[in-house]
């Protein structure tokens, strides 16, 4: 599976939803750098793409509310 920055993923073994920040390819090795929140603490880590799966029910950002005009 090809991941790209902004994708929402989770470890196949479970855990929190994470956001892909960067995909780094060096030769035949790919590293996926992700970040997530543990409570209020921002965490980050490097993962193999084979350990990740996409999160199907990832939230989609709601559009900003329109300004009311008088």
PDB file of N, CA and C in Angstrom:
ATOM      1  N   UNK A   1       0.847  -1.184   0.000  1.00  0.00           N
ATOM      2  CA  UNK A   1       0.000   0.000   0.000  1.00  0.00           C
ATOM      3  C   UNK A   1       0.884   1.235   0.000  1.00  0.00           C
ATOM      4  N   UNK A   2       0.541   2.189  -0.829  1.00  0.00           N
ATOM      5  CA  UNK A   2       1.267   3.456  -0.872  1.00  0.00           C
ATOM      6  C   UNK A   2       0.574   4.461   0.031  1.00  0.00           C
ATOM      7  N   UNK A   3       1.327   5.023   0.952  1.00  0.00           N
ATOM      8  CA  UNK A   3       0.800   6.051   1.840  1.00  0.00           C
ATOM      9  C   UNK A   3       1.368   7.391   1.406  1.00  0.00           C
ATOM     10  N   UNK A   4       0.627   8.453   1.713  1.00  0.00           N
ATOM     11  CA  UNK A   4       1.086   9.803   1.384  1.00  0.00           C
ATOM     12  C   UNK A   4       0.820  10.717   2.581  1.00  0.00           C
ATOM     13  N   UNK A   5       1.545  11.832   2.668  1.00  0.00           N
ATOM     14  CA  UNK A   5       1.315  12.755   3.780  1.00  0.00           C
ATOM     15  C   UNK A   5      -0.149  13.162   3.861  1.00  0.00           C
ATOM     16  N   UNK A   6      -0.637  13.167   5.097  1.00  0.00           N
ATOM     17  CA  UNK A   6      -2.032  13.513   5.352  1.00  0.00           C
ATOM     18  C   UNK A   6      -2.935  12.307   5.521  1.00  0.00           C
ATOM     19  N   UNK A   7      -2.484  11.117   5.077  1.00  0.00           N
ATOM     20  CA  UNK A   7      -3.285   9.908   5.254  1.00  0.00           C
ATOM     21  C   UNK A   7      -3.421   9.598   6.746  1.00  0.00           C
ATOM     22  N   UNK A   8      -4.579   9.051   7.118  1.00  0.00           N
ATOM     23  CA  UNK A   8      -4.806   8.611   8.487  1.00  0.00           C
ATOM     24  C   UNK A   8      -4.602   7.095   8.501  1.00  0.00           C
ATOM     25  N   UNK A   9      -3.729   6.631   9.397  1.00  0.00           N
ATOM     26  CA  UNK A   9      -3.357   5.220   9.465  1.00  0.00           C
ATOM     27  C   UNK A   9      -3.398   4.736  10.899  1.00  0.00           C
ATOM     28  N   UNK A  10      -3.281   3.419  11.045  1.00  0.00           N
ATOM     29  CA  UNK A  10      -3.198   2.798  12.366  1.00  0.00           C
ATOM     30  C   UNK A  10      -2.298   1.585  12.222  1.00  0.00           C
ATOM     31  N   UNK A  11      -1.629   1.221  13.288  1.00  0.00           N
ATOM     32  CA  UNK A  11      -0.858  -0.010  13.276  1.00  0.00           C
ATOM     33  C   UNK A  11      -1.813  -1.179  13.094  1.00  0.00           C
ATOM     34  N   UNK A  12      -1.406  -2.178  12.334  1.00  0.00           N
ATOM     35  CA  UNK A  12      -2.238  -3.369  12.141  1.00  0.00           C
ATOM     36  C   UNK A  12      -2.507  -4.064  13.468  1.00  0.00           C
ATOM     37  N   UNK A  13      -1.606  -3.901  14.424  1.00  0.00           N
ATOM     38  CA  UNK A  13      -1.766  -4.518  15.735  1.00  0.00           C
ATOM     39  C   UNK A  13      -2.645  -3.694  16.670  1.00  0.00           C
ATOM     40  N   UNK A  14      -3.113  -2.534  16.218  1.00  0.00           N
ATOM     41  CA  UNK A  14      -3.975  -1.676  17.031  1.00  0.00           C
ATOM     42  C   UNK A  14      -3.284  -0.378  17.395  1.00  0.00           C
ATOM     43  N   UNK A  15      -3.936   0.386  18.254  1.00  0.00           N
ATOM     44  CA  UNK A  15      -3.368   1.650  18.692  1.00  0.00           C
ATOM     45  C   UNK A  15      -4.148   2.836  18.148  1.00  0.00           C
ATOM     46  N   UNK A  16      -3.638   4.039  18.398  1.00  0.00           N
ATOM     47  CA  UNK A  16      -4.364   5.243  18.000  1.00  0.00           C
ATOM     48  C   UNK A  16      -4.275   5.503  16.501  1.00  0.00           C
ATOM     49  N   UNK A  17      -5.198   6.302  16.009  1.00  0.00           N
ATOM     50  CA  UNK A  17      -5.095   6.799  14.639  1.00  0.00           C
ATOM     51  C   UNK A  17      -3.921   7.752  14.575  1.00  0.00           C
ATOM     52  N   UNK A  18      -3.176   7.692  13.470  1.00  0.00           N
ATOM     53  CA  UNK A  18      -1.994   8.528  13.289  1.00  0.00           C
ATOM     54  C   UNK A  18      -2.085   9.209  11.931  1.00  0.00           C
ATOM     55  N   UNK A  19      -1.442  10.352  11.815  1.00  0.00           N
ATOM     56  CA  UNK A  19      -1.386  11.083  10.552  1.00  0.00           C
ATOM     57  C   UNK A  19      -0.004  10.902   9.938  1.00  0.00           C
ATOM     58  N   UNK A  20       0.013  10.501   8.659  1.00  0.00           N
ATOM     59  CA  UNK A  20       1.289  10.371   7.948  1.00  0.00           C
ATOM     60  C   UNK A  20       1.833  11.769   7.708  1.00  0.00           C
ATOM     61  N   UNK A  21       3.064  11.992   8.138  1.00  0.00           N
ATOM     62  CA  UNK A  21       3.722  13.287   7.969  1.00  0.00           C
ATOM     63  C   UNK A  21       4.671  13.260   6.784  1.00  0.00           C
ATOM     64  N   UNK A  22       5.387  12.149   6.623  1.00  0.00           N
ATOM     65  CA  UNK A  22       6.410  12.071   5.571  1.00  0.00           C
ATOM     66  C   UNK A  22       6.615  10.615   5.164  1.00  0.00           C
ATOM     67  N   UNK A  23       6.890  10.419   3.892  1.00  0.00           N
ATOM     68  CA  UNK A  23       7.238   9.102   3.367  1.00  0.00           C
ATOM     69  C   UNK A  23       8.648   9.219   2.799  1.00  0.00           C
ATOM     70  N   UNK A  24       9.551   8.404   3.314  1.00  0.00           N
ATOM     71  CA  UNK A  24      10.955   8.464   2.895  1.00  0.00           C
ATOM     72  C   UNK A  24      11.341   7.145   2.235  1.00  0.00           C
ATOM     73  N   UNK A  25      11.840   7.236   1.009  1.00  0.00           N
ATOM     74  CA  UNK A  25      12.275   6.037   0.283  1.00  0.00           C
ATOM     75  C   UNK A  25      13.778   6.125   0.052  1.00  0.00           C
ATOM     76  N   UNK A  26      14.496   5.111   0.533  1.00  0.00           N
ATOM     77  CA  UNK A  26      15.936   5.008   0.321  1.00  0.00           C
ATOM     78  C   UNK A  26      16.207   3.630  -0.250  1.00  0.00           C
ATOM     79  N   UNK A  27      16.460   3.576  -1.553  1.00  0.00           N
ATOM     80  CA  UNK A  27      16.648   2.284  -2.200  1.00  0.00           C
ATOM     81  C   UNK A  27      15.345   1.507  -2.166  1.00  0.00           C
ATOM     82  N   UNK A  28      15.397   0.303  -1.620  1.00  0.00           N
ATOM     83  CA  UNK A  28      14.180  -0.503  -1.534  1.00  0.00           C
ATOM     84  C   UNK A  28      13.554  -0.475  -0.137  1.00  0.00           C
ATOM     85  N   UNK A  29      13.982   0.481   0.695  1.00  0.00           N
ATOM     86  CA  UNK A  29      13.447   0.617   2.051  1.00  0.00           C
ATOM     87  C   UNK A  29      12.603   1.883   2.133  1.00  0.00           C
ATOM     88  N   UNK A  30      11.372   1.719   2.607  1.00  0.00           N
ATOM     89  CA  UNK A  30      10.465   2.853   2.782  1.00  0.00           C
ATOM     90  C   UNK A  30      10.159   3.018   4.260  1.00  0.00           C
ATOM     91  N   UNK A  31      10.235   4.248   4.741  1.00  0.00           N
ATOM     92  CA  UNK A  31       9.876   4.570   6.122  1.00  0.00           C
ATOM     93  C   UNK A  31       8.715   5.553   6.097  1.00  0.00           C
ATOM     94  N   UNK A  32       7.754   5.319   6.981  1.00  0.00           N
ATOM     95  CA  UNK A  32       6.594   6.192   7.109  1.00  0.00           C
ATOM     96  C   UNK A  32       6.707   6.898   8.454  1.00  0.00           C
ATOM     97  N   UNK A  33       6.772   8.218   8.441  1.00  0.00           N
ATOM     98  CA  UNK A  33       6.850   9.015   9.660  1.00  0.00           C
ATOM     99  C   UNK A  33       5.457   9.535   9.975  1.00  0.00           C
ATOM    100  N   UNK A  34       4.996   9.263  11.192  1.00  0.00           N
ATOM    101  CA  UNK A  34       3.638   9.612  11.592  1.00  0.00           C
ATOM    102  C   UNK A  34       3.660  10.404  12.891  1.00  0.00           C
ATOM    103  N   UNK A  35       2.559  11.119  13.144  1.00  0.00           N
ATOM    104  CA  UNK A  35       2.362  11.744  14.449  1.00  0.00           C
ATOM    105  C   UNK A  35       0.945  11.479  14.917  1.00  0.00           C
ATOM    106  N   UNK A  36       0.754  11.547  16.243  1.00  0.00           N
ATOM    107  CA  UNK A  36      -0.537  11.298  16.873  1.00  0.00           C
ATOM    108  C   UNK A  36      -0.522  11.936  18.245  1.00  0.00           C
ATOM    109  N   UNK A  37      -1.690  12.024  18.857  1.00  0.00           N
ATOM    110  CA  UNK A  37      -1.798  12.573  20.200  1.00  0.00           C
ATOM    111  C   UNK A  37      -2.031  11.458  21.200  1.00  0.00           C
ATOM    112  N   UNK A  38      -1.318  11.540  22.310  1.00  0.00           N
ATOM    113  CA  UNK A  38      -1.533  10.681  23.469  1.00  0.00           C
ATOM    114  C   UNK A  38      -2.037  11.627  24.553  1.00  0.00           C
ATOM    115  N   UNK A  39      -3.355  11.764  24.630  1.00  0.00           N
ATOM    116  CA  UNK A  39      -3.925  12.800  25.489  1.00  0.00           C
ATOM    117  C   UNK A  39      -3.613  14.146  24.841  1.00  0.00           C
ATOM    118  N   UNK A  40      -2.951  15.024  25.577  1.00  0.00           N
ATOM    119  CA  UNK A  40      -2.563  16.330  25.039  1.00  0.00           C
ATOM    120  C   UNK A  40      -1.131  16.320  24.496  1.00  0.00           C
ATOM    121  N   UNK A  41      -0.432  15.193  24.662  1.00  0.00           N
ATOM    122  CA  UNK A  41       0.970  15.087  24.252  1.00  0.00           C
ATOM    123  C   UNK A  41       1.082  14.652  22.791  1.00  0.00           C
ATOM    124  N   UNK A  42       1.767  15.440  21.966  1.00  0.00           N
ATOM    125  CA  UNK A  42       2.013  15.080  20.573  1.00  0.00           C
ATOM    126  C   UNK A  42       3.170  14.092  20.518  1.00  0.00           C
ATOM    127  N   UNK A  43       2.949  12.954  19.875  1.00  0.00           N
ATOM    128  CA  UNK A  43       3.952  11.909  19.734  1.00  0.00           C
ATOM    129  C   UNK A  43       4.275  11.721  18.258  1.00  0.00           C
ATOM    130  N   UNK A  44       5.430  11.126  17.964  1.00  0.00           N
ATOM    131  CA  UNK A  44       5.779  10.831  16.585  1.00  0.00           C
ATOM    132  C   UNK A  44       6.610   9.559  16.546  1.00  0.00           C
ATOM    133  N   UNK A  45       6.626   8.939  15.365  1.00  0.00           N
ATOM    134  CA  UNK A  45       7.399   7.719  15.220  1.00  0.00           C
ATOM    135  C   UNK A  45       7.598   7.351  13.767  1.00  0.00           C
ATOM    136  N   UNK A  46       8.483   6.416  13.551  1.00  0.00           N
ATOM    137  CA  UNK A  46       8.821   5.916  12.216  1.00  0.00           C
ATOM    138  C   UNK A  46       8.351   4.464  12.115  1.00  0.00           C
ATOM    139  N   UNK A  47       7.676   4.139  11.007  1.00  0.00           N
ATOM    140  CA  UNK A  47       7.081   2.821  10.855  1.00  0.00           C
ATOM    141  C   UNK A  47       7.354   2.260   9.471  1.00  0.00           C
ATOM    142  N   UNK A  48       7.328   0.939   9.384  1.00  0.00           N
ATOM    143  CA  UNK A  48       7.388   0.245   8.099  1.00  0.00           C
ATOM    144  C   UNK A  48       5.993   0.281   7.491  1.00  0.00           C
ATOM    145  N   UNK A  49       5.884   0.477   6.176  1.00  0.00           N
ATOM    146  CA  UNK A  49       4.547   0.492   5.573  1.00  0.00           C
ATOM    147  C   UNK A  49       3.799  -0.832   5.747  1.00  0.00           C
ATOM    148  N   UNK A  50       4.516  -1.936   5.926  1.00  0.00           N
ATOM    149  CA  UNK A  50       3.838  -3.227   6.108  1.00  0.00           C
ATOM    150  C   UNK A  50       3.177  -3.349   7.476  1.00  0.00           C
ATOM    151  N   UNK A  51       3.520  -2.456   8.413  1.00  0.00           N
ATOM    152  CA  UNK A  51       2.923  -2.504   9.752  1.00  0.00           C
ATOM    153  C   UNK A  51       1.700  -1.606   9.871  1.00  0.00           C
ATOM    154  N   UNK A  52       1.373  -0.851   8.811  1.00  0.00           N
ATOM    155  CA  UNK A  52       0.287   0.123   8.866  1.00  0.00           C
ATOM    156  C   UNK A  52      -0.879  -0.269   7.979  1.00  0.00           C
ATOM    157  N   UNK A  53      -2.067   0.238   8.347  1.00  0.00           N
ATOM    158  CA  UNK A  53      -3.249   0.088   7.503  1.00  0.00           C
ATOM    159  C   UNK A  53      -4.002   1.410   7.506  1.00  0.00           C
ATOM    160  N   UNK A  54      -4.690   1.715   6.424  1.00  0.00           N
ATOM    161  CA  UNK A  54      -5.460   2.962   6.397  1.00  0.00           C
ATOM    162  C   UNK A  54      -6.647   2.881   7.354  1.00  0.00           C
ATOM    163  N   UNK A  55      -7.048   4.019   7.880  1.00  0.00           N
ATOM    164  CA  UNK A  55      -8.234   4.095   8.727  1.00  0.00           C
ATOM    165  C   UNK A  55      -9.386   4.509   7.825  1.00  0.00           C
ATOM    166  N   UNK A  56     -10.331   3.599   7.640  1.00  0.00           N
ATOM    167  CA  UNK A  56     -11.430   3.829   6.701  1.00  0.00           C
ATOM    168  C   UNK A  56     -12.375   4.932   7.154  1.00  0.00           C
ATOM    169  N   UNK A  57     -12.565   5.066   8.449  1.00  0.00           N
ATOM    170  CA  UNK A  57     -13.526   6.052   8.933  1.00  0.00           C
ATOM    171  C   UNK A  57     -12.841   7.323   9.426  1.00  0.00           C
ATOM    172  N   UNK A  58     -11.776   7.727   8.727  1.00  0.00           N
ATOM    173  CA  UNK A  58     -11.048   8.932   9.120  1.00  0.00           C
ATOM    174  C   UNK A  58     -11.968  10.137   9.018  1.00  0.00           C
ATOM    175  N   UNK A  59     -11.935  11.017  10.010  1.00  0.00           N
ATOM    176  CA  UNK A  59     -12.794  12.194   9.947  1.00  0.00           C
ATOM    177  C   UNK A  59     -12.354  13.128   8.824  1.00  0.00           C
ATOM    178  N   UNK A  60     -13.303  13.742   8.206  1.00  0.00           N
ATOM    179  CA  UNK A  60     -13.031  14.742   7.172  1.00  0.00           C
ATOM    180  C   UNK A  60     -13.276  16.098   7.811  1.00  0.00           C
ATOM    181  N   UNK A  61     -12.327  16.993   7.656  1.00  0.00           N
ATOM    182  CA  UNK A  61     -12.453  18.315   8.264  1.00  0.00           C
ATOM    183  C   UNK A  61     -13.696  19.010   7.722  1.00  0.00           C
ATOM    184  N   UNK A  62     -14.469  19.541   8.639  1.00  0.00           N
ATOM    185  CA  UNK A  62     -15.673  20.279   8.254  1.00  0.00           C
ATOM    186  C   UNK A  62     -15.261  21.642   7.712  1.00  0.00           C
ATOM    187  N   UNK A  63     -15.970  22.145   6.730  1.00  0.00           N
ATOM    188  CA  UNK A  63     -15.636  23.478   6.224  1.00  0.00           C
ATOM    189  C   UNK A  63     -15.902  24.527   7.292  1.00  0.00           C
ATOM    190  N   UNK A  64     -15.138  25.595   7.232  1.00  0.00           N
ATOM    191  CA  UNK A  64     -15.313  26.687   8.177  1.00  0.00           C
ATOM    192  C   UNK A  64     -16.703  27.290   7.995  1.00  0.00           C
ATOM    193  N   UNK A  65     -17.361  27.655   9.096  1.00  0.00           N
ATOM    194  CA  UNK A  65     -18.692  28.257   8.960  1.00  0.00           C
ATOM    195  C   UNK A  65     -18.617  29.580   8.222  1.00  0.00           C
ATOM    196  N   UNK A  66     -19.625  29.849   7.419  1.00  0.00           N
ATOM    197  CA  UNK A  66     -19.680  31.108   6.663  1.00  0.00           C
ATOM    198  C   UNK A  66     -20.008  32.253   7.616  1.00  0.00           C
ATOM    199  N   UNK A  67     -19.409  33.375   7.346  1.00  0.00           N
ATOM    200  CA  UNK A  67     -19.672  34.573   8.133  1.00  0.00           C
ATOM    201  C   UNK A  67     -21.072  35.085   7.797  1.00  0.00           C
ATOM    202  N   UNK A  68     -21.827  35.435   8.810  1.00  0.00           N
ATOM    203  CA  UNK A  68     -23.154  35.984   8.579  1.00  0.00           C
ATOM    204  C   UNK A  68     -23.019  37.430   8.132  1.00  0.00           C
ATOM    205  N   UNK A  69     -23.747  37.802   7.101  1.00  0.00           N
ATOM    206  CA  UNK A  69     -23.709  39.183   6.633  1.00  0.00           C
ATOM    207  C   UNK A  69     -25.000  39.877   7.039  1.00  0.00           C
ATOM    208  N   UNK A  70     -24.886  41.096   7.560  1.00  0.00           N
ATOM    209  CA  UNK A  70     -26.088  41.813   8.016  1.00  0.00           C
ATOM    210  C   UNK A  70     -26.930  42.301   6.871  1.00  0.00           C
TER     211      UNK A  70
END
